[in-house]
Amino acid sequence: MSRGAEVSDAASTKASLRIALRRVRHDFLSGLSADQRDAALARIDAAITPLIPGDAAVAGYVAQSDEPDVLPFLASLHAAGRRVLLPCVRRLDMEFSAWSPADPLVPGYAGIPMPQLGGDSGVPRFLLVPLLGFDRQGGRIGQGGGFYDRYLEHRPETKRLGIAWSAQEVDEVPSDPWDVALTAVVTELETIEVEPPSL
């Protein structure tokens, strides 16, 4: 089989997985009461904390659909004096801008809220990464835009922490040559460390 066919097959498999995983994630979250959801998020927040030691910058995301909401956690980091960043997408490129809870967010790529362009930018030491699916080898299925892979390709020093619900785990994520693996995955049930800590 040619490489082109392999890439095409991987893309087709990923597309099918995205459809299935959106449904799985939605069904999982729909099955939780408000109290259960809050408790699950609290466990995720508590599990992230030991993975981001020191005072280096931490970047997160604005949750969409049924993604775990990390903004309250990021707000607590900011209140403690930590530098917090959020993604800004311009055309096909993603960068990260400083954020505080008092800062207004504006509609960005695909309507996702982001800091206003032209703000104070930075490179995070730790990056909380949203996803649709993950495996125990650090494989990640995103929304398909490739923004995180392109951003991380030349930033190996950034620790990549996938944030997910446990129901989003798959046996093996189909991979493409440009995919960047996660350093760890944090769910409401456990932390899966793919790379040994070297912080």
Protein backbone atom coordinates (compact mmCIF):
# COMPACT_ATOMS: atom_id res chain seq x y z
CA MET A 1 0.00 0.00 0.00
CA SER A 2 1.33 3.46 -0.86
CA ARG A 3 1.97 6.07 1.81
CA GLY A 4 -0.76 8.21 0.29
CA ALA A 5 -3.24 5.38 0.72
CA GLU A 6 -2.08 4.84 4.30
CA VAL A 7 -2.57 8.51 5.13
CA SER A 8 -5.97 8.44 3.43
CA ASP A 9 -6.97 5.36 5.45
CA ALA A 10 -5.81 6.99 8.70
CA ALA A 11 -7.78 10.14 7.89
CA SER A 12 -10.89 8.09 7.11
CA THR A 13 -10.52 6.13 10.35
CA LYS A 14 -10.02 9.32 12.34
CA ALA A 15 -13.09 10.90 10.77
CA SER A 16 -15.20 7.90 11.78
CA LEU A 17 -13.72 7.92 15.27
CA ARG A 18 -14.49 11.61 15.69
CA ILE A 19 -18.16 11.01 14.97
CA ALA A 20 -18.31 8.09 17.40
CA LEU A 21 -16.30 9.83 20.12
CA ARG A 22 -18.43 12.97 20.06
CA ARG A 23 -21.43 10.75 20.76
CA VAL A 24 -19.59 8.78 23.47
CA ARG A 25 -18.45 11.97 25.19
CA HIS A 26 -21.93 13.48 25.05
CA ASP A 27 -23.56 10.33 26.39
CA PHE A 28 -21.02 10.08 29.21
CA LEU A 29 -21.57 13.65 30.34
CA SER A 30 -25.35 13.39 29.96
CA GLY A 31 -25.26 10.47 32.37
CA LEU A 32 -23.75 12.58 35.15
CA SER A 33 -25.73 14.70 37.55
CA ALA A 34 -24.60 18.28 38.13
CA ASP A 35 -22.95 17.22 41.40
CA GLN A 36 -21.20 14.29 39.73
CA ARG A 37 -19.92 16.57 36.97
CA ASP A 38 -18.59 19.08 39.49
CA ALA A 39 -16.87 16.30 41.43
CA ALA A 40 -15.33 14.89 38.24
CA LEU A 41 -13.99 18.32 37.26
CA ALA A 42 -12.59 18.81 40.77
CA ARG A 43 -10.71 15.51 40.47
CA ILE A 44 -9.29 16.58 37.10
CA ASP A 45 -8.17 19.92 38.54
CA ALA A 46 -6.52 18.20 41.51
CA ALA A 47 -4.71 15.78 39.19
CA ILE A 48 -3.37 18.57 36.96
CA THR A 49 -1.79 20.49 39.84
CA PRO A 50 1.21 18.18 40.50
CA LEU A 51 1.94 18.04 36.76
CA ILE A 52 2.54 21.81 36.49
CA PRO A 53 5.10 22.61 39.22
CA GLY A 54 6.91 25.89 39.60
CA ASP A 55 5.75 29.21 38.24
CA ALA A 56 6.12 28.71 34.47
CA ALA A 57 3.31 29.76 32.14
CA VAL A 58 0.32 27.45 31.73
CA ALA A 59 -1.96 27.52 28.68
CA GLY A 60 -5.43 26.06 28.50
CA TYR A 61 -8.49 26.32 26.30
CA VAL A 62 -12.09 27.52 26.29
CA ALA A 63 -14.20 24.37 26.53
CA GLN A 64 -16.58 23.57 23.69
CA SER A 65 -19.50 21.15 23.68
CA ASP A 66 -18.79 18.48 26.30
CA GLU A 67 -15.09 19.15 26.92
CA PRO A 68 -13.92 19.39 30.55
CA ASP A 69 -14.05 23.07 31.51
CA VAL A 70 -10.61 24.19 32.69
CA LEU A 71 -11.27 27.95 32.79
CA PRO A 72 -12.14 28.00 36.52
CA PHE A 73 -8.90 26.10 37.22
CA LEU A 74 -6.94 28.57 35.08
CA ALA A 75 -8.60 31.45 36.92
CA SER A 76 -7.40 29.99 40.22
CA LEU A 77 -3.86 29.76 38.83
CA HIS A 78 -4.05 33.39 37.75
CA ALA A 79 -5.28 34.41 41.20
CA ALA A 80 -2.25 32.65 42.67
CA GLY A 81 0.06 34.74 40.47
CA ARG A 82 0.66 32.25 37.68
CA ARG A 83 0.87 33.42 34.06
CA VAL A 84 -2.06 31.96 32.12
CA LEU A 85 -2.44 31.82 28.33
CA LEU A 86 -5.28 30.97 25.96
CA PRO A 87 -5.14 30.08 22.26
CA CYS A 88 -5.68 32.64 19.50
CA VAL A 89 -6.14 31.35 15.97
CA ARG A 90 -5.21 33.52 13.01
CA ARG A 91 -5.83 31.90 9.64
CA LEU A 92 -4.16 28.48 10.00
CA ASP A 93 -1.80 29.42 12.83
CA MET A 94 -2.35 29.24 16.56
CA GLU A 95 -0.53 31.30 19.16
CA PHE A 96 -1.13 31.90 22.85
CA SER A 97 -2.00 35.18 24.52
CA ALA A 98 -2.02 36.14 28.18
CA TRP A 99 -5.42 35.90 29.86
CA SER A 100 -7.00 36.97 33.10
CA PRO A 101 -10.60 36.36 34.22
CA ALA A 102 -11.28 40.09 33.78
CA ASP A 103 -10.29 40.03 30.10
CA PRO A 104 -13.11 39.91 27.54
CA LEU A 105 -13.05 37.07 25.03
CA VAL A 106 -14.02 37.61 21.41
CA PRO A 107 -15.34 35.12 18.83
CA GLY A 108 -12.47 33.43 17.02
CA TYR A 109 -12.02 30.50 14.65
CA ALA A 110 -15.26 28.51 14.36
CA GLY A 111 -16.82 30.92 16.86
CA ILE A 112 -14.60 29.71 19.71
CA PRO A 113 -13.96 32.52 22.22
CA MET A 114 -10.37 33.74 22.41
CA PRO A 115 -8.39 36.71 23.74
CA GLN A 116 -8.27 39.75 21.50
CA LEU A 117 -5.52 39.64 18.89
CA GLY A 118 -2.53 41.82 19.57
CA GLY A 119 -2.32 41.00 23.26
CA ASP A 120 0.73 39.87 25.19
CA SER A 121 1.75 36.55 23.66
CA GLY A 122 3.89 33.79 25.10
CA VAL A 123 5.02 30.19 24.81
CA PRO A 124 3.60 27.98 27.56
CA ARG A 125 5.74 25.55 29.51
CA PHE A 126 2.63 23.48 30.18
CA LEU A 127 -0.26 23.13 27.75
CA LEU A 128 -3.67 21.70 28.66
CA VAL A 129 -4.89 20.14 25.42
CA PRO A 130 -8.54 19.39 24.57
CA LEU A 131 -9.31 16.24 22.63
CA LEU A 132 -11.94 13.86 21.34
CA GLY A 133 -10.03 10.63 22.01
CA PHE A 134 -6.77 9.35 23.46
CA ASP A 135 -4.79 6.19 24.01
CA ARG A 136 -2.24 5.15 26.63
CA GLN A 137 0.70 5.79 24.31
CA GLY A 138 -0.05 9.52 24.14
CA GLY A 139 -2.02 9.37 20.92
CA ARG A 140 -4.64 12.09 20.54
CA ILE A 141 -7.61 12.63 18.25
CA GLY A 142 -8.51 16.30 17.99
CA GLN A 143 -11.19 18.10 16.03
CA GLY A 144 -9.21 17.71 12.81
CA GLY A 145 -7.90 21.23 12.28
CA GLY A 146 -4.30 20.33 13.11
CA PHE A 147 -3.71 23.53 15.08
CA TYR A 148 -2.13 21.87 18.11
CA ASP A 149 0.10 19.57 16.04
CA ARG A 150 1.39 22.50 13.96
CA TYR A 151 1.99 24.61 17.05
CA LEU A 152 3.77 21.87 18.99
CA GLU A 153 5.88 20.55 16.12
CA HIS A 154 8.71 22.98 16.86
CA ARG A 155 8.16 23.30 20.63
CA PRO A 156 9.27 19.99 22.15
CA GLU A 157 9.95 21.72 25.47
CA THR A 158 6.22 22.31 26.04
CA LYS A 159 4.63 19.63 28.22
CA ARG A 160 1.39 18.47 26.61
CA LEU A 161 -1.32 17.41 29.06
CA GLY A 162 -4.42 15.95 27.43
CA ILE A 163 -7.60 16.72 29.39
CA ALA A 164 -10.43 14.25 28.90
CA TRP A 165 -13.21 12.17 30.36
CA SER A 166 -12.27 8.53 30.91
CA ALA A 167 -14.92 7.44 28.39
CA GLN A 168 -12.86 9.02 25.59
CA GLU A 169 -10.11 6.38 25.77
CA VAL A 170 -9.56 4.15 22.73
CA ASP A 171 -7.24 1.17 22.31
CA GLU A 172 -5.08 2.87 19.70
CA VAL A 173 -5.29 6.24 17.98
CA PRO A 174 -4.54 6.01 14.25
CA SER A 175 -1.49 8.19 13.70
CA ASP A 176 -0.17 10.39 10.93
CA PRO A 177 3.48 11.47 10.53
CA TRP A 178 2.73 14.98 11.77
CA ASP A 179 0.89 13.97 14.96
CA VAL A 180 2.51 15.15 18.21
CA ALA A 181 2.06 12.80 21.16
CA LEU A 182 0.84 13.90 24.57
CA THR A 183 3.12 13.95 27.60
CA ALA A 184 0.29 12.80 29.87
CA VAL A 185 -3.48 12.40 29.92
CA VAL A 186 -5.61 13.50 32.87
CA THR A 187 -9.14 12.16 33.36
CA GLU A 188 -11.55 12.16 36.28
CA LEU A 189 -10.32 8.65 37.16
CA GLU A 190 -6.55 8.69 36.66
CA THR A 191 -3.42 10.31 35.30
CA ILE A 192 -1.68 8.44 32.49
CA GLU A 193 1.96 9.57 32.28
CA VAL A 194 3.36 8.81 28.85
CA GLU A 195 6.74 10.48 29.31
CA PRO A 196 8.59 10.39 32.64
CA PRO A 197 8.59 13.81 34.33
CA SER A 198 11.64 15.92 33.42
CA LEU A 199 10.52 19.29 34.65
